[in-house]
Each structure stands twice: as C-alpha cells, then as structure tokens.
C-alpha cells in the first residue's frame, strides 16, 4: 500500500504533465486528486511540503518529495 506522500508525488507529476499538454479535463482531475491528498496529509507532514502545497507551488512540492530527505525547517518566505 502506498503512503499519502507517495500518492501525492504521483498526483503532482500527473498534474504537472497534464498542465504542460493543456488538457483541461485531465488537469482538473489531477488537481482535484492533489487537493484531496493534501487534505489527507498527517499532522507529521514536513512543514516545507505543507508550505509548498498551500502556496500551490506544485513543482517545488514535487521536487521536495523527490529529494527524499526530511526537511523540518519552518518556511521563511519573504525574509
């Protein structure tokens, strides 16, 4: 069974791929899946991942998940 983060990684990759091909129905479907999985993240999800998702920085969120290293720092945008 895949973890929510693994499913989220796949959903983000799918969303980014469909957005590049400009397929409105597939984009909406992929985005809805990303948003649903975001809601399922546990309280222990890395703060940076939550930050990227809340700001809809989906490429950064995917890069974060692909990096495979935990990041526990607090987001410091604008500082």
C-alpha atoms as a PDB file:
ATOM      1  CA  UNK A   1       0.000   0.000   0.000  1.00  0.00           C
ATOM      2  CA  UNK A   2       1.296   3.450  -0.925  1.00  0.00           C
ATOM      3  CA  UNK A   3       1.626   6.223   1.592  1.00  0.00           C
ATOM      4  CA  UNK A   4      -0.193   9.511   1.092  1.00  0.00           C
ATOM      5  CA  UNK A   5       3.122  11.167   0.238  1.00  0.00           C
ATOM      6  CA  UNK A   6       3.845   8.568  -2.459  1.00  0.00           C
ATOM      7  CA  UNK A   7       0.370   9.030  -3.926  1.00  0.00           C
ATOM      8  CA  UNK A   8       0.839  12.790  -3.739  1.00  0.00           C
ATOM      9  CA  UNK A   9       4.153  12.509  -5.607  1.00  0.00           C
ATOM     10  CA  UNK A  10       2.414  10.619  -8.419  1.00  0.00           C
ATOM     11  CA  UNK A  11      -0.542  13.027  -8.478  1.00  0.00           C
ATOM     12  CA  UNK A  12       1.748  16.058  -8.647  1.00  0.00           C
ATOM     13  CA  UNK A  13       3.723  14.520 -11.516  1.00  0.00           C
ATOM     14  CA  UNK A  14       0.465  13.754 -13.323  1.00  0.00           C
ATOM     15  CA  UNK A  15      -0.849  17.286 -12.749  1.00  0.00           C
ATOM     16  CA  UNK A  16       2.346  18.927 -13.986  1.00  0.00           C
ATOM     17  CA  UNK A  17       2.404  16.648 -17.022  1.00  0.00           C
ATOM     18  CA  UNK A  18      -1.199  17.315 -17.995  1.00  0.00           C
ATOM     19  CA  UNK A  19      -0.822  21.055 -17.424  1.00  0.00           C
ATOM     20  CA  UNK A  20       2.025  21.063 -19.922  1.00  0.00           C
ATOM     21  CA  UNK A  21      -0.192  19.382 -22.512  1.00  0.00           C
ATOM     22  CA  UNK A  22      -3.080  21.796 -21.852  1.00  0.00           C
ATOM     23  CA  UNK A  23      -5.751  19.144 -21.372  1.00  0.00           C
ATOM     24  CA  UNK A  24      -8.446  20.888 -19.297  1.00  0.00           C
ATOM     25  CA  UNK A  25     -10.396  17.804 -18.169  1.00  0.00           C
ATOM     26  CA  UNK A  26      -7.267  15.896 -17.169  1.00  0.00           C
ATOM     27  CA  UNK A  27      -5.834  18.980 -15.462  1.00  0.00           C
ATOM     28  CA  UNK A  28      -8.970  19.370 -13.335  1.00  0.00           C
ATOM     29  CA  UNK A  29      -8.981  15.669 -12.448  1.00  0.00           C
ATOM     30  CA  UNK A  30      -5.292  15.694 -11.487  1.00  0.00           C
ATOM     31  CA  UNK A  31      -5.666  18.910  -9.470  1.00  0.00           C
ATOM     32  CA  UNK A  32      -8.637  17.501  -7.560  1.00  0.00           C
ATOM     33  CA  UNK A  33      -6.572  14.450  -6.686  1.00  0.00           C
ATOM     34  CA  UNK A  34      -3.700  16.640  -5.441  1.00  0.00           C
ATOM     35  CA  UNK A  35      -6.100  18.678  -3.296  1.00  0.00           C
ATOM     36  CA  UNK A  36      -7.740  15.538  -1.888  1.00  0.00           C
ATOM     37  CA  UNK A  37      -4.367  14.040  -0.975  1.00  0.00           C
ATOM     38  CA  UNK A  38      -3.241  17.327   0.566  1.00  0.00           C
ATOM     39  CA  UNK A  39      -6.227  17.058   2.930  1.00  0.00           C
ATOM     40  CA  UNK A  40      -5.118  13.534   3.888  1.00  0.00           C
ATOM     41  CA  UNK A  41      -1.597  14.505   4.946  1.00  0.00           C
ATOM     42  CA  UNK A  42      -0.993  13.770   8.588  1.00  0.00           C
ATOM     43  CA  UNK A  43      -0.031  16.280  11.231  1.00  0.00           C
ATOM     44  CA  UNK A  44       3.538  14.996  10.989  1.00  0.00           C
ATOM     45  CA  UNK A  45       3.904  16.069   7.340  1.00  0.00           C
ATOM     46  CA  UNK A  46       7.018  18.188   6.746  1.00  0.00           C
ATOM     47  CA  UNK A  47       6.314  21.907   7.174  1.00  0.00           C
ATOM     48  CA  UNK A  48       8.014  22.755   3.876  1.00  0.00           C
ATOM     49  CA  UNK A  49       5.794  20.325   1.984  1.00  0.00           C
ATOM     50  CA  UNK A  50       2.696  21.877   3.526  1.00  0.00           C
ATOM     51  CA  UNK A  51       4.038  25.340   2.669  1.00  0.00           C
ATOM     52  CA  UNK A  52       4.568  24.449  -0.995  1.00  0.00           C
ATOM     53  CA  UNK A  53       1.132  22.876  -1.274  1.00  0.00           C
ATOM     54  CA  UNK A  54      -0.649  25.767   0.436  1.00  0.00           C
ATOM     55  CA  UNK A  55       1.023  28.198  -1.960  1.00  0.00           C
ATOM     56  CA  UNK A  56       0.278  25.898  -4.914  1.00  0.00           C
ATOM     57  CA  UNK A  57       3.986  25.643  -5.683  1.00  0.00           C
ATOM     58  CA  UNK A  58       3.417  22.182  -7.066  1.00  0.00           C
ATOM     59  CA  UNK A  59       6.765  21.829  -8.866  1.00  0.00           C
ATOM     60  CA  UNK A  60       8.572  22.705  -5.622  1.00  0.00           C
ATOM     61  CA  UNK A  61       6.391  20.234  -3.710  1.00  0.00           C
ATOM     62  CA  UNK A  62       7.244  17.518  -6.238  1.00  0.00           C
ATOM     63  CA  UNK A  63      10.950  18.392  -6.061  1.00  0.00           C
ATOM     64  CA  UNK A  64      10.740  18.218  -2.266  1.00  0.00           C
ATOM     65  CA  UNK A  65       9.127  14.776  -2.375  1.00  0.00           C
ATOM     66  CA  UNK A  66      11.633  13.533  -4.942  1.00  0.00           C
ATOM     67  CA  UNK A  67      14.579  14.731  -2.853  1.00  0.00           C
ATOM     68  CA  UNK A  68      13.817  12.024  -0.307  1.00  0.00           C
ATOM     69  CA  UNK A  69      15.330  13.879   2.604  1.00  0.00           C
ATOM     70  CA  UNK A  70      13.321  15.197   5.517  1.00  0.00           C
ATOM     71  CA  UNK A  71      13.245  18.944   5.915  1.00  0.00           C
ATOM     72  CA  UNK A  72      11.995  20.115   9.255  1.00  0.00           C
ATOM     73  CA  UNK A  73      12.689  23.815   8.978  1.00  0.00           C
ATOM     74  CA  UNK A  74       9.950  26.392   9.049  1.00  0.00           C
ATOM     75  CA  UNK A  75       9.236  28.174   5.757  1.00  0.00           C
ATOM     76  CA  UNK A  76      10.801  31.647   5.630  1.00  0.00           C
ATOM     77  CA  UNK A  77       9.323  33.248   2.533  1.00  0.00           C
ATOM     78  CA  UNK A  78       9.756  36.968   2.236  1.00  0.00           C
ATOM     79  CA  UNK A  79      12.611  37.138   4.720  1.00  0.00           C
END
